[in-house]
PDB file of N, CA and C in Angstrom:
ATOM      1  N   UNK A   1     -68.906 113.935 -32.951  1.00  0.00           N
ATOM      2  CA  UNK A   1     -69.778 112.497 -32.900  1.00  0.00           C
ATOM      3  C   UNK A   1     -70.886 112.176 -34.202  1.00  0.00           C
ATOM      4  N   UNK A   2     -71.205 111.100 -34.923  1.00  0.00           N
ATOM      5  CA  UNK A   2     -72.256 111.594 -35.658  1.00  0.00           C
ATOM      6  C   UNK A   2     -73.328 110.894 -35.341  1.00  0.00           C
ATOM      7  N   UNK A   3     -74.654 110.883 -35.299  1.00  0.00           N
ATOM      8  CA  UNK A   3     -75.559 110.194 -34.779  1.00  0.00           C
ATOM      9  C   UNK A   3     -76.329 109.120 -35.539  1.00  0.00           C
ATOM     10  N   UNK A   4     -76.882 108.402 -35.027  1.00  0.00           N
ATOM     11  CA  UNK A   4     -77.327 107.138 -35.870  1.00  0.00           C
ATOM     12  C   UNK A   4     -78.563 107.329 -36.365  1.00  0.00           C
ATOM     13  N   UNK A   5     -78.428 106.626 -37.974  1.00  0.00           N
ATOM     14  CA  UNK A   5     -80.053 107.194 -38.632  1.00  0.00           C
ATOM     15  C   UNK A   5     -80.771 106.141 -38.296  1.00  0.00           C
ATOM     16  N   UNK A   6     -82.431 106.768 -38.007  1.00  0.00           N
ATOM     17  CA  UNK A   6     -83.259 106.217 -37.704  1.00  0.00           C
ATOM     18  C   UNK A   6     -83.695 104.896 -38.441  1.00  0.00           C
ATOM     19  N   UNK A   7     -82.913 104.604 -39.418  1.00  0.00           N
ATOM     20  CA  UNK A   7     -83.308 103.348 -40.457  1.00  0.00           C
ATOM     21  C   UNK A   7     -82.324 102.148 -40.016  1.00  0.00           C
ATOM     22  N   UNK A   8     -81.301 103.008 -39.332  1.00  0.00           N
ATOM     23  CA  UNK A   8     -80.103 101.636 -38.952  1.00  0.00           C
ATOM     24  C   UNK A   8     -80.729 100.369 -37.835  1.00  0.00           C
ATOM     25  N   UNK A   9     -81.081 100.725 -36.909  1.00  0.00           N
ATOM     26  CA  UNK A   9     -82.028  99.855 -36.363  1.00  0.00           C
ATOM     27  C   UNK A   9     -82.526  98.794 -37.055  1.00  0.00           C
ATOM     28  N   UNK A  10     -83.597  99.269 -37.772  1.00  0.00           N
ATOM     29  CA  UNK A  10     -84.232  98.009 -38.819  1.00  0.00           C
ATOM     30  C   UNK A  10     -83.620  97.439 -39.170  1.00  0.00           C
ATOM     31  N   UNK A  11     -82.451  97.441 -40.136  1.00  0.00           N
ATOM     32  CA  UNK A  11     -81.394  97.241 -40.919  1.00  0.00           C
ATOM     33  C   UNK A  11     -80.661  95.936 -39.691  1.00  0.00           C
ATOM     34  N   UNK A  12     -80.266  97.050 -38.833  1.00  0.00           N
ATOM     35  CA  UNK A  12     -79.463  95.719 -37.871  1.00  0.00           C
ATOM     36  C   UNK A  12     -80.556  94.765 -37.384  1.00  0.00           C
ATOM     37  N   UNK A  13     -82.033  95.147 -37.305  1.00  0.00           N
ATOM     38  CA  UNK A  13     -82.719  93.913 -36.985  1.00  0.00           C
ATOM     39  C   UNK A  13     -83.009  92.610 -38.414  1.00  0.00           C
ATOM     40  N   UNK A  14     -83.028  92.882 -38.798  1.00  0.00           N
ATOM     41  CA  UNK A  14     -82.709  91.770 -39.758  1.00  0.00           C
ATOM     42  C   UNK A  14     -81.681  91.355 -40.233  1.00  0.00           C
ATOM     43  N   UNK A  15     -80.422  91.894 -40.181  1.00  0.00           N
ATOM     44  CA  UNK A  15     -79.300  91.492 -40.965  1.00  0.00           C
ATOM     45  C   UNK A  15     -78.444  91.083 -39.578  1.00  0.00           C
ATOM     46  N   UNK A  16     -78.573  90.336 -38.255  1.00  0.00           N
ATOM     47  CA  UNK A  16     -78.195  89.503 -38.134  1.00  0.00           C
ATOM     48  C   UNK A  16     -77.489  88.287 -38.299  1.00  0.00           C
ATOM     49  N   UNK A  17     -77.624  88.050 -39.321  1.00  0.00           N
ATOM     50  CA  UNK A  17     -77.518  85.985 -39.627  1.00  0.00           C
ATOM     51  C   UNK A  17     -78.726  85.586 -39.600  1.00  0.00           C
ATOM     52  N   UNK A  18     -78.382  84.143 -39.651  1.00  0.00           N
ATOM     53  CA  UNK A  18     -79.230  83.405 -39.758  1.00  0.00           C
ATOM     54  C   UNK A  18     -79.501  83.041 -38.154  1.00  0.00           C
ATOM     55  N   UNK A  19     -79.119  83.156 -37.303  1.00  0.00           N
ATOM     56  CA  UNK A  19     -79.842  82.604 -36.385  1.00  0.00           C
ATOM     57  C   UNK A  19     -80.054  83.667 -34.971  1.00  0.00           C
ATOM     58  N   UNK A  20     -79.257  84.874 -35.641  1.00  0.00           N
ATOM     59  CA  UNK A  20     -79.351  86.559 -34.717  1.00  0.00           C
ATOM     60  C   UNK A  20     -80.785  87.168 -35.142  1.00  0.00           C
ATOM     61  N   UNK A  21     -81.022  86.715 -36.092  1.00  0.00           N
ATOM     62  CA  UNK A  21     -82.285  87.937 -36.769  1.00  0.00           C
ATOM     63  C   UNK A  21     -83.383  87.700 -36.327  1.00  0.00           C
ATOM     64  N   UNK A  22     -84.383  88.464 -36.319  1.00  0.00           N
ATOM     65  CA  UNK A  22     -85.711  87.820 -36.286  1.00  0.00           C
ATOM     66  C   UNK A  22     -86.647  89.061 -37.339  1.00  0.00           C
ATOM     67  N   UNK A  23     -87.875  88.530 -37.674  1.00  0.00           N
ATOM     68  CA  UNK A  23     -88.551  89.590 -37.880  1.00  0.00           C
ATOM     69  C   UNK A  23     -89.581  90.878 -37.771  1.00  0.00           C
ATOM     70  N   UNK A  24     -89.706  91.138 -38.592  1.00  0.00           N
ATOM     71  CA  UNK A  24     -89.806  93.298 -37.901  1.00  0.00           C
ATOM     72  C   UNK A  24     -91.162  93.023 -37.288  1.00  0.00           C
ATOM     73  N   UNK A  25     -90.987  93.558 -36.159  1.00  0.00           N
ATOM     74  CA  UNK A  25     -92.936  93.571 -35.368  1.00  0.00           C
ATOM     75  C   UNK A  25     -93.412  94.407 -36.243  1.00  0.00           C
ATOM     76  N   UNK A  26     -94.800  94.763 -35.827  1.00  0.00           N
ATOM     77  CA  UNK A  26     -95.617  95.341 -37.115  1.00  0.00           C
ATOM     78  C   UNK A  26     -95.218  96.823 -36.683  1.00  0.00           C
ATOM     79  N   UNK A  27     -94.920  97.591 -35.710  1.00  0.00           N
ATOM     80  CA  UNK A  27     -94.614  98.831 -34.988  1.00  0.00           C
ATOM     81  C   UNK A  27     -93.280  99.006 -36.113  1.00  0.00           C
ATOM     82  N   UNK A  28     -92.540  97.592 -36.188  1.00  0.00           N
ATOM     83  CA  UNK A  28     -91.267  98.347 -36.799  1.00  0.00           C
ATOM     84  C   UNK A  28     -91.163  98.200 -38.680  1.00  0.00           C
ATOM     85  N   UNK A  29     -91.906  97.474 -38.905  1.00  0.00           N
ATOM     86  CA  UNK A  29     -92.620  97.543 -40.017  1.00  0.00           C
ATOM     87  C   UNK A  29     -93.356  98.473 -40.568  1.00  0.00           C
ATOM     88  N   UNK A  30     -94.227  99.156 -39.985  1.00  0.00           N
ATOM     89  CA  UNK A  30     -94.867 100.360 -40.492  1.00  0.00           C
ATOM     90  C   UNK A  30     -93.845 101.387 -40.370  1.00  0.00           C
ATOM     91  N   UNK A  31     -92.794 101.979 -39.428  1.00  0.00           N
ATOM     92  CA  UNK A  31     -91.746 102.604 -39.383  1.00  0.00           C
ATOM     93  C   UNK A  31     -91.002 102.789 -40.500  1.00  0.00           C
ATOM     94  N   UNK A  32     -90.499 101.514 -41.009  1.00  0.00           N
ATOM     95  CA  UNK A  32     -89.881 101.729 -42.102  1.00  0.00           C
ATOM     96  C   UNK A  32     -90.295 101.773 -43.503  1.00  0.00           C
ATOM     97  N   UNK A  33     -91.598 101.622 -43.528  1.00  0.00           N
ATOM     98  CA  UNK A  33     -92.501 101.598 -44.762  1.00  0.00           C
ATOM     99  C   UNK A  33     -92.588 103.179 -44.748  1.00  0.00           C
ATOM    100  N   UNK A  34     -93.286 103.767 -43.395  1.00  0.00           N
ATOM    101  CA  UNK A  34     -93.387 105.540 -43.549  1.00  0.00           C
ATOM    102  C   UNK A  34     -91.792 105.830 -43.958  1.00  0.00           C
ATOM    103  N   UNK A  35     -90.817 105.589 -43.294  1.00  0.00           N
ATOM    104  CA  UNK A  35     -89.694 106.163 -43.727  1.00  0.00           C
ATOM    105  C   UNK A  35     -88.994 106.096 -45.285  1.00  0.00           C
ATOM    106  N   UNK A  36     -89.486 104.920 -45.743  1.00  0.00           N
ATOM    107  CA  UNK A  36     -88.975 104.680 -47.215  1.00  0.00           C
ATOM    108  C   UNK A  36     -90.203 105.674 -48.240  1.00  0.00           C
ATOM    109  N   UNK A  37     -91.377 105.185 -47.997  1.00  0.00           N
ATOM    110  CA  UNK A  37     -92.161 106.291 -48.646  1.00  0.00           C
ATOM    111  C   UNK A  37     -91.943 107.503 -49.130  1.00  0.00           C
ATOM    112  N   UNK A  38     -91.362 108.422 -47.366  1.00  0.00           N
ATOM    113  CA  UNK A  38     -91.409 109.625 -47.605  1.00  0.00           C
ATOM    114  C   UNK A  38     -89.529 110.310 -47.839  1.00  0.00           C
ATOM    115  N   UNK A  39     -89.415 108.899 -48.443  1.00  0.00           N
ATOM    116  CA  UNK A  39     -88.050 109.371 -48.631  1.00  0.00           C
ATOM    117  C   UNK A  39     -86.745 110.298 -47.941  1.00  0.00           C
ATOM    118  N   UNK A  40     -86.975 109.559 -46.488  1.00  0.00           N
ATOM    119  CA  UNK A  40     -85.769 109.751 -45.935  1.00  0.00           C
ATOM    120  C   UNK A  40     -85.003 108.315 -45.629  1.00  0.00           C
ATOM    121  N   UNK A  41     -84.800 107.304 -46.112  1.00  0.00           N
ATOM    122  CA  UNK A  41     -83.526 106.592 -46.431  1.00  0.00           C
ATOM    123  C   UNK A  41     -82.934 106.918 -47.334  1.00  0.00           C
ATOM    124  N   UNK A  42     -81.569 106.802 -47.028  1.00  0.00           N
ATOM    125  CA  UNK A  42     -80.196 106.594 -48.098  1.00  0.00           C
ATOM    126  C   UNK A  42     -80.891 105.364 -49.273  1.00  0.00           C
ATOM    127  N   UNK A  43     -80.243 105.320 -50.401  1.00  0.00           N
ATOM    128  CA  UNK A  43     -80.205 104.546 -51.118  1.00  0.00           C
ATOM    129  C   UNK A  43     -79.704 103.387 -51.242  1.00  0.00           C
ATOM    130  N   UNK A  44     -78.149 103.492 -50.419  1.00  0.00           N
ATOM    131  CA  UNK A  44     -77.572 102.234 -49.723  1.00  0.00           C
ATOM    132  C   UNK A  44     -78.516 101.196 -48.898  1.00  0.00           C
ATOM    133  N   UNK A  45     -79.391 102.060 -47.825  1.00  0.00           N
ATOM    134  CA  UNK A  45     -79.902 101.349 -46.783  1.00  0.00           C
ATOM    135  C   UNK A  45     -81.178 101.128 -47.637  1.00  0.00           C
ATOM    136  N   UNK A  46     -82.064 101.953 -48.219  1.00  0.00           N
ATOM    137  CA  UNK A  46     -83.062 100.848 -49.034  1.00  0.00           C
ATOM    138  C   UNK A  46     -83.032  99.557 -49.786  1.00  0.00           C
ATOM    139  N   UNK A  47     -81.521  99.318 -50.383  1.00  0.00           N
ATOM    140  CA  UNK A  47     -81.151  98.468 -50.764  1.00  0.00           C
ATOM    141  C   UNK A  47     -80.534  97.051 -50.199  1.00  0.00           C
ATOM    142  N   UNK A  48     -80.117  97.809 -49.121  1.00  0.00           N
ATOM    143  CA  UNK A  48     -79.416  96.345 -47.454  1.00  0.00           C
ATOM    144  C   UNK A  48     -81.107  96.246 -47.592  1.00  0.00           C
ATOM    145  N   UNK A  49     -81.969  96.869 -46.855  1.00  0.00           N
ATOM    146  CA  UNK A  49     -83.261  96.368 -46.892  1.00  0.00           C
ATOM    147  C   UNK A  49     -83.755  95.713 -47.500  1.00  0.00           C
ATOM    148  N   UNK A  50     -84.267  96.175 -49.059  1.00  0.00           N
ATOM    149  CA  UNK A  50     -84.459  95.186 -50.096  1.00  0.00           C
ATOM    150  C   UNK A  50     -84.292  93.464 -49.838  1.00  0.00           C
ATOM    151  N   UNK A  51     -82.579  93.397 -50.093  1.00  0.00           N
ATOM    152  CA  UNK A  51     -81.853  92.605 -50.082  1.00  0.00           C
ATOM    153  C   UNK A  51     -82.270  91.382 -48.754  1.00  0.00           C
ATOM    154  N   UNK A  52     -82.135  92.455 -47.672  1.00  0.00           N
ATOM    155  CA  UNK A  52     -82.305  91.278 -46.330  1.00  0.00           C
ATOM    156  C   UNK A  52     -83.746  91.258 -46.063  1.00  0.00           C
ATOM    157  N   UNK A  53     -84.811  91.370 -46.455  1.00  0.00           N
ATOM    158  CA  UNK A  53     -86.423  91.182 -46.724  1.00  0.00           C
ATOM    159  C   UNK A  53     -86.062  90.135 -47.925  1.00  0.00           C
ATOM    160  N   UNK A  54     -85.296  90.182 -48.739  1.00  0.00           N
ATOM    161  CA  UNK A  54     -85.454  88.979 -49.737  1.00  0.00           C
ATOM    162  C   UNK A  54     -84.990  87.709 -49.108  1.00  0.00           C
ATOM    163  N   UNK A  55     -84.118  88.031 -48.605  1.00  0.00           N
ATOM    164  CA  UNK A  55     -83.429  86.649 -48.452  1.00  0.00           C
ATOM    165  C   UNK A  55     -84.181  86.102 -46.835  1.00  0.00           C
ATOM    166  N   UNK A  56     -85.108  86.835 -46.307  1.00  0.00           N
ATOM    167  CA  UNK A  56     -85.688  86.436 -45.282  1.00  0.00           C
ATOM    168  C   UNK A  56     -86.418  85.501 -45.546  1.00  0.00           C
TER     169      UNK A  56
END
């Protein structure tokens, strides 16, 4: 059984589509930036996050 990466819920929050997505809370944004700056995210996750933020 595989465990979910801690960054996955952040991507899921942003990537629910036009009607389902919402802005990140301050805590979620802080956690996301901490993981990114600590190099704890996979390159594909970082790419998805940046594209979703661009579209938002």
